[in-house]
PDB file of N, CA and C in Angstrom:
ATOM      1  N   MET A   1       0.778  -1.233  -0.131  1.00  0.00           N
ATOM      2  CA  MET A   1       0.141   0.130   0.014  1.00  0.00           C
ATOM      3  C   MET A   1       1.103   1.304  -0.083  1.00  0.00           C
ATOM      4  N   ALA A   2       0.652   2.225  -1.047  1.00  0.00           N
ATOM      5  CA  ALA A   2       1.409   3.400  -1.059  1.00  0.00           C
ATOM      6  C   ALA A   2       1.210   4.293   0.157  1.00  0.00           C
ATOM      7  N   THR A   3       1.992   5.022   0.509  1.00  0.00           N
ATOM      8  CA  THR A   3       1.936   6.035   1.618  1.00  0.00           C
ATOM      9  C   THR A   3       1.682   7.209   0.894  1.00  0.00           C
ATOM     10  N   LEU A   4       0.586   7.995   1.384  1.00  0.00           N
ATOM     11  CA  LEU A   4       0.268   9.235   0.741  1.00  0.00           C
ATOM     12  C   LEU A   4       1.134  10.325   1.383  1.00  0.00           C
ATOM     13  N   THR A   5       1.688  11.259   0.480  1.00  0.00           N
ATOM     14  CA  THR A   5       2.593  12.242   0.656  1.00  0.00           C
ATOM     15  C   THR A   5       2.012  13.485   0.068  1.00  0.00           C
ATOM     16  N   TYR A   6       2.689  14.680   0.567  1.00  0.00           N
ATOM     17  CA  TYR A   6       2.315  15.955   0.215  1.00  0.00           C
ATOM     18  C   TYR A   6       3.565  16.794  -0.014  1.00  0.00           C
ATOM     19  N   ASP A   7       3.423  17.686  -0.972  1.00  0.00           N
ATOM     20  CA  ASP A   7       4.535  18.636  -1.158  1.00  0.00           C
ATOM     21  C   ASP A   7       4.147  19.969  -0.230  1.00  0.00           C
ATOM     22  N   ILE A   8       4.839  20.862  -0.186  1.00  0.00           N
ATOM     23  CA  ILE A   8       4.498  21.924   0.748  1.00  0.00           C
ATOM     24  C   ILE A   8       3.210  22.791   0.339  1.00  0.00           C
ATOM     25  N   GLN A   9       3.186  22.872  -1.001  1.00  0.00           N
ATOM     26  CA  GLN A   9       1.837  23.599  -1.555  1.00  0.00           C
ATOM     27  C   GLN A   9       0.519  22.417  -1.202  1.00  0.00           C
ATOM     28  N   GLU A  10       0.696  21.286  -1.335  1.00  0.00           N
ATOM     29  CA  GLU A  10      -0.496  20.784  -1.095  1.00  0.00           C
ATOM     30  C   GLU A  10      -0.849  20.528   0.489  1.00  0.00           C
ATOM     31  N   LEU A  11       0.349  20.624   1.254  1.00  0.00           N
ATOM     32  CA  LEU A  11       0.233  20.527   2.682  1.00  0.00           C
ATOM     33  C   LEU A  11      -0.549  22.002   3.032  1.00  0.00           C
ATOM     34  N   THR A  12      -0.145  23.103   2.587  1.00  0.00           N
ATOM     35  CA  THR A  12      -0.864  24.473   2.956  1.00  0.00           C
ATOM     36  C   THR A  12      -2.172  24.488   2.420  1.00  0.00           C
ATOM     37  N   ALA A  13      -2.436  23.814   1.302  1.00  0.00           N
ATOM     38  CA  ALA A  13      -3.817  23.805   0.798  1.00  0.00           C
ATOM     39  C   ALA A  13      -4.735  22.877   1.647  1.00  0.00           C
ATOM     40  N   GLU A  14      -4.241  21.967   2.274  1.00  0.00           N
ATOM     41  CA  GLU A  14      -5.198  20.787   2.906  1.00  0.00           C
ATOM     42  C   GLU A  14      -5.333  21.305   4.413  1.00  0.00           C
ATOM     43  N   THR A  15      -4.356  22.250   4.932  1.00  0.00           N
ATOM     44  CA  THR A  15      -4.396  22.615   6.262  1.00  0.00           C
ATOM     45  C   THR A  15      -4.700  24.204   6.602  1.00  0.00           C
ATOM     46  N   GLY A  16      -4.468  24.867   5.488  1.00  0.00           N
ATOM     47  CA  GLY A  16      -4.702  26.344   5.625  1.00  0.00           C
ATOM     48  C   GLY A  16      -3.420  27.051   6.440  1.00  0.00           C
ATOM     49  N   VAL A  17      -2.481  26.208   6.739  1.00  0.00           N
ATOM     50  CA  VAL A  17      -1.374  26.767   7.551  1.00  0.00           C
ATOM     51  C   VAL A  17      -0.320  27.324   6.657  1.00  0.00           C
ATOM     52  N   PRO A  18       0.172  28.430   6.795  1.00  0.00           N
ATOM     53  CA  PRO A  18       1.176  29.097   5.821  1.00  0.00           C
ATOM     54  C   PRO A  18       2.502  28.354   5.816  1.00  0.00           C
ATOM     55  N   ARG A  19       2.938  28.296   4.721  1.00  0.00           N
ATOM     56  CA  ARG A  19       4.332  27.857   4.377  1.00  0.00           C
ATOM     57  C   ARG A  19       5.352  28.194   5.447  1.00  0.00           C
ATOM     58  N   ARG A  20       5.478  29.364   5.893  1.00  0.00           N
ATOM     59  CA  ARG A  20       6.443  29.884   6.738  1.00  0.00           C
ATOM     60  C   ARG A  20       6.133  29.259   7.963  1.00  0.00           C
ATOM     61  N   THR A  21       4.912  29.164   8.591  1.00  0.00           N
ATOM     62  CA  THR A  21       4.566  28.559   9.788  1.00  0.00           C
ATOM     63  C   THR A  21       5.017  26.938   9.932  1.00  0.00           C
ATOM     64  N   ILE A  22       4.644  26.354   8.724  1.00  0.00           N
ATOM     65  CA  ILE A  22       5.135  24.862   8.811  1.00  0.00           C
ATOM     66  C   ILE A  22       6.745  24.817   9.047  1.00  0.00           C
ATOM     67  N   TYR A  23       7.340  25.712   8.239  1.00  0.00           N
ATOM     68  CA  TYR A  23       8.844  25.654   8.275  1.00  0.00           C
ATOM     69  C   TYR A  23       9.128  25.957   9.645  1.00  0.00           C
ATOM     70  N   PHE A  24       8.668  26.969  10.524  1.00  0.00           N
ATOM     71  CA  PHE A  24       8.799  27.324  11.968  1.00  0.00           C
ATOM     72  C   PHE A  24       8.411  26.122  12.783  1.00  0.00           C
ATOM     73  N   TYR A  25       7.384  25.417  12.558  1.00  0.00           N
ATOM     74  CA  TYR A  25       7.013  24.220  13.361  1.00  0.00           C
ATOM     75  C   TYR A  25       8.208  23.121  13.176  1.00  0.00           C
ATOM     76  N   VAL A  26       8.569  23.011  12.169  1.00  0.00           N
ATOM     77  CA  VAL A  26       9.630  21.921  12.013  1.00  0.00           C
ATOM     78  C   VAL A  26      10.980  22.459  12.684  1.00  0.00           C
ATOM     79  N   GLN A  27      11.168  23.643  12.589  1.00  0.00           N
ATOM     80  CA  GLN A  27      12.397  24.277  13.080  1.00  0.00           C
ATOM     81  C   GLN A  27      12.400  24.152  14.701  1.00  0.00           C
ATOM     82  N   GLN A  28      11.207  24.309  15.254  1.00  0.00           N
ATOM     83  CA  GLN A  28      10.782  24.238  16.600  1.00  0.00           C
ATOM     84  C   GLN A  28      10.632  22.989  17.228  1.00  0.00           C
ATOM     85  N   GLY A  29      10.590  21.834  16.381  1.00  0.00           N
ATOM     86  CA  GLY A  29      10.379  20.616  16.815  1.00  0.00           C
ATOM     87  C   GLY A  29       8.767  20.129  17.085  1.00  0.00           C
ATOM     88  N   LEU A  30       8.068  20.945  16.577  1.00  0.00           N
ATOM     89  CA  LEU A  30       6.666  20.718  16.794  1.00  0.00           C
ATOM     90  C   LEU A  30       6.202  19.501  15.487  1.00  0.00           C
ATOM     91  N   LEU A  31       7.047  19.668  14.493  1.00  0.00           N
ATOM     92  CA  LEU A  31       6.715  18.692  13.408  1.00  0.00           C
ATOM     93  C   LEU A  31       8.013  18.037  13.058  1.00  0.00           C
ATOM     94  N   PRO A  32       8.041  16.675  12.619  1.00  0.00           N
ATOM     95  CA  PRO A  32       9.232  16.067  12.242  1.00  0.00           C
ATOM     96  C   PRO A  32       9.553  16.905  10.917  1.00  0.00           C
ATOM     97  N   ALA A  33      10.998  16.629  10.564  1.00  0.00           N
ATOM     98  CA  ALA A  33      11.381  17.169   9.194  1.00  0.00           C
ATOM     99  C   ALA A  33      10.713  16.286   8.222  1.00  0.00           C
ATOM    100  N   PRO A  34      10.478  16.936   7.156  1.00  0.00           N
ATOM    101  CA  PRO A  34       9.957  16.127   5.788  1.00  0.00           C
ATOM    102  C   PRO A  34      11.096  15.378   5.255  1.00  0.00           C
ATOM    103  N   GLN A  35      10.739  14.241   4.407  1.00  0.00           N
ATOM    104  CA  GLN A  35      11.639  13.665   3.713  1.00  0.00           C
ATOM    105  C   GLN A  35      12.197  14.487   2.563  1.00  0.00           C
ATOM    106  N   GLY A  36      13.407  14.481   2.313  1.00  0.00           N
ATOM    107  CA  GLY A  36      13.893  15.195   1.203  1.00  0.00           C
ATOM    108  C   GLY A  36      14.180  16.829   1.748  1.00  0.00           C
ATOM    109  N   ALA A  37      14.551  17.597   0.837  1.00  0.00           N
ATOM    110  CA  ALA A  37      14.918  19.006   1.149  1.00  0.00           C
ATOM    111  C   ALA A  37      14.497  19.940   0.003  1.00  0.00           C
ATOM    112  N   GLY A  38      14.066  21.250   0.308  1.00  0.00           N
ATOM    113  CA  GLY A  38      13.871  22.166  -0.741  1.00  0.00           C
ATOM    114  C   GLY A  38      12.609  21.728  -1.357  1.00  0.00           C
ATOM    115  N   LEU A  39      12.324  21.985  -2.525  1.00  0.00           N
ATOM    116  CA  LEU A  39      10.991  21.713  -3.437  1.00  0.00           C
ATOM    117  C   LEU A  39      10.978  20.228  -3.545  1.00  0.00           C
ATOM    118  N   ALA A  40      11.781  19.422  -3.171  1.00  0.00           N
ATOM    119  CA  ALA A  40      11.663  17.949  -3.296  1.00  0.00           C
ATOM    120  C   ALA A  40      11.145  17.225  -1.762  1.00  0.00           C
ATOM    121  N   ALA A  41      10.947  18.229  -0.948  1.00  0.00           N
ATOM    122  CA  ALA A  41      10.604  17.845   0.292  1.00  0.00           C
ATOM    123  C   ALA A  41       9.148  17.169   0.256  1.00  0.00           C
ATOM    124  N   HIS A  42       8.795  16.086   1.112  1.00  0.00           N
ATOM    125  CA  HIS A  42       7.556  15.478   1.016  1.00  0.00           C
ATOM    126  C   HIS A  42       7.139  15.366   2.520  1.00  0.00           C
ATOM    127  N   TYR A  43       5.813  15.624   2.782  1.00  0.00           N
ATOM    128  CA  TYR A  43       5.317  15.485   4.009  1.00  0.00           C
ATOM    129  C   TYR A  43       4.319  14.371   4.006  1.00  0.00           C
ATOM    130  N   THR A  44       4.181  13.678   5.095  1.00  0.00           N
ATOM    131  CA  THR A  44       3.209  12.538   5.166  1.00  0.00           C
ATOM    132  C   THR A  44       1.859  12.894   5.879  1.00  0.00           C
ATOM    133  N   GLU A  45       1.074  11.719   5.915  1.00  0.00           N
ATOM    134  CA  GLU A  45      -0.416  11.939   6.722  1.00  0.00           C
ATOM    135  C   GLU A  45      -0.191  12.545   8.182  1.00  0.00           C
ATOM    136  N   ASP A  46       0.959  11.854   8.747  1.00  0.00           N
ATOM    137  CA  ASP A  46       1.429  12.305  10.042  1.00  0.00           C
ATOM    138  C   ASP A  46       1.498  13.669  10.292  1.00  0.00           C
ATOM    139  N   HIS A  47       2.131  14.445   9.282  1.00  0.00           N
ATOM    140  CA  HIS A  47       2.531  15.864   9.346  1.00  0.00           C
ATOM    141  C   HIS A  47       1.081  16.434   9.159  1.00  0.00           C
ATOM    142  N   LEU A  48       0.354  16.029   8.185  1.00  0.00           N
ATOM    143  CA  LEU A  48      -1.051  16.514   8.123  1.00  0.00           C
ATOM    144  C   LEU A  48      -2.043  16.778   9.312  1.00  0.00           C
ATOM    145  N   LEU A  49      -1.982  15.543  10.003  1.00  0.00           N
ATOM    146  CA  LEU A  49      -2.706  15.479  11.297  1.00  0.00           C
ATOM    147  C   LEU A  49      -2.274  16.309  12.265  1.00  0.00           C
ATOM    148  N   ARG A  50      -0.870  16.372  12.360  1.00  0.00           N
ATOM    149  CA  ARG A  50      -0.339  17.150  13.461  1.00  0.00           C
ATOM    150  C   ARG A  50      -0.770  18.490  13.153  1.00  0.00           C
ATOM    151  N   LEU A  51      -0.526  19.076  11.926  1.00  0.00           N
ATOM    152  CA  LEU A  51      -0.751  20.426  11.593  1.00  0.00           C
ATOM    153  C   LEU A  51      -2.138  20.812  12.058  1.00  0.00           C
ATOM    154  N   LYS A  52      -3.114  19.798  11.772  1.00  0.00           N
ATOM    155  CA  LYS A  52      -4.552  20.120  12.218  1.00  0.00           C
ATOM    156  C   LYS A  52      -4.689  19.937  13.723  1.00  0.00           C
ATOM    157  N   LEU A  53      -3.874  19.287  14.431  1.00  0.00           N
ATOM    158  CA  LEU A  53      -4.204  19.071  15.936  1.00  0.00           C
ATOM    159  C   LEU A  53      -3.531  20.404  16.468  1.00  0.00           C
ATOM    160  N   ILE A  54      -2.413  21.101  16.056  1.00  0.00           N
ATOM    161  CA  ILE A  54      -1.825  22.088  16.774  1.00  0.00           C
ATOM    162  C   ILE A  54      -2.841  23.352  16.940  1.00  0.00           C
ATOM    163  N   PRO A  55      -3.647  23.740  16.150  1.00  0.00           N
ATOM    164  CA  PRO A  55      -4.357  24.756  16.617  1.00  0.00           C
ATOM    165  C   PRO A  55      -5.454  24.582  17.587  1.00  0.00           C
ATOM    166  N   ILE A  56      -5.980  23.258  17.601  1.00  0.00           N
ATOM    167  CA  ILE A  56      -6.898  22.781  18.641  1.00  0.00           C
ATOM    168  C   ILE A  56      -6.353  22.852  19.995  1.00  0.00           C
ATOM    169  N   LEU A  57      -5.073  22.381  20.238  1.00  0.00           N
ATOM    170  CA  LEU A  57      -4.350  22.321  21.284  1.00  0.00           C
ATOM    171  C   LEU A  57      -4.100  23.751  21.813  1.00  0.00           C
ATOM    172  N   ARG A  58      -3.822  24.664  20.757  1.00  0.00           N
ATOM    173  CA  ARG A  58      -3.432  26.117  21.270  1.00  0.00           C
ATOM    174  C   ARG A  58      -4.892  26.802  21.679  1.00  0.00           C
ATOM    175  N   GLN A  59      -5.841  26.469  21.227  1.00  0.00           N
ATOM    176  CA  GLN A  59      -7.216  26.840  21.596  1.00  0.00           C
ATOM    177  C   GLN A  59      -7.567  26.504  23.077  1.00  0.00           C
ATOM    178  N   GLN A  60      -6.863  25.297  23.339  1.00  0.00           N
ATOM    179  CA  GLN A  60      -7.117  24.673  24.668  1.00  0.00           C
ATOM    180  C   GLN A  60      -6.226  25.395  25.765  1.00  0.00           C
ATOM    181  N   GLY A  61      -5.285  26.179  25.241  1.00  0.00           N
ATOM    182  CA  GLY A  61      -4.514  27.090  26.243  1.00  0.00           C
ATOM    183  C   GLY A  61      -3.070  26.313  26.268  1.00  0.00           C
ATOM    184  N   LEU A  62      -2.806  25.477  25.457  1.00  0.00           N
ATOM    185  CA  LEU A  62      -1.394  24.948  25.367  1.00  0.00           C
ATOM    186  C   LEU A  62      -0.302  25.833  24.819  1.00  0.00           C
ATOM    187  N   ARG A  63       0.854  25.986  25.269  1.00  0.00           N
ATOM    188  CA  ARG A  63       1.911  26.752  24.721  1.00  0.00           C
ATOM    189  C   ARG A  63       2.683  25.792  23.656  1.00  0.00           C
ATOM    190  N   LEU A  64       3.386  26.420  22.848  1.00  0.00           N
ATOM    191  CA  LEU A  64       4.105  25.584  21.800  1.00  0.00           C
ATOM    192  C   LEU A  64       5.112  24.593  22.335  1.00  0.00           C
ATOM    193  N   ASP A  65       5.791  24.973  23.471  1.00  0.00           N
ATOM    194  CA  ASP A  65       6.546  24.167  24.218  1.00  0.00           C
ATOM    195  C   ASP A  65       5.912  22.978  24.773  1.00  0.00           C
ATOM    196  N   GLU A  66       4.538  23.288  25.251  1.00  0.00           N
ATOM    197  CA  GLU A  66       3.852  22.003  25.686  1.00  0.00           C
ATOM    198  C   GLU A  66       3.573  21.077  24.631  1.00  0.00           C
ATOM    199  N   ILE A  67       3.077  21.592  23.567  1.00  0.00           N
ATOM    200  CA  ILE A  67       2.743  20.860  22.428  1.00  0.00           C
ATOM    201  C   ILE A  67       3.850  20.033  21.803  1.00  0.00           C
ATOM    202  N   ARG A  68       4.977  20.534  21.893  1.00  0.00           N
ATOM    203  CA  ARG A  68       6.248  19.852  21.365  1.00  0.00           C
ATOM    204  C   ARG A  68       6.344  18.603  22.172  1.00  0.00           C
ATOM    205  N   GLU A  69       6.084  18.602  23.525  1.00  0.00           N
ATOM    206  CA  GLU A  69       6.103  17.400  24.252  1.00  0.00           C
ATOM    207  C   GLU A  69       5.202  16.205  24.204  1.00  0.00           C
ATOM    208  N   LYS A  70       4.073  16.622  23.353  1.00  0.00           N
ATOM    209  CA  LYS A  70       3.008  15.833  23.306  1.00  0.00           C
ATOM    210  C   LYS A  70       3.213  14.963  21.944  1.00  0.00           C
TER     211      LYS A  70
END
């Protein structure tokens, strides 16, 4: 079974999270690094789900450092 992957444009379209924010989340350890680099980077379903979870956790009052630990 093939694993579904997304490039950065597809990931931003699916989540509504800006590209710069995704890069920031990776840099801060909130998201794992994508496979590959630059325009060849690909993100998985795990990245997509995590990006959808982060705003929910923020609305519950969690700070980014607390989210990183989850």
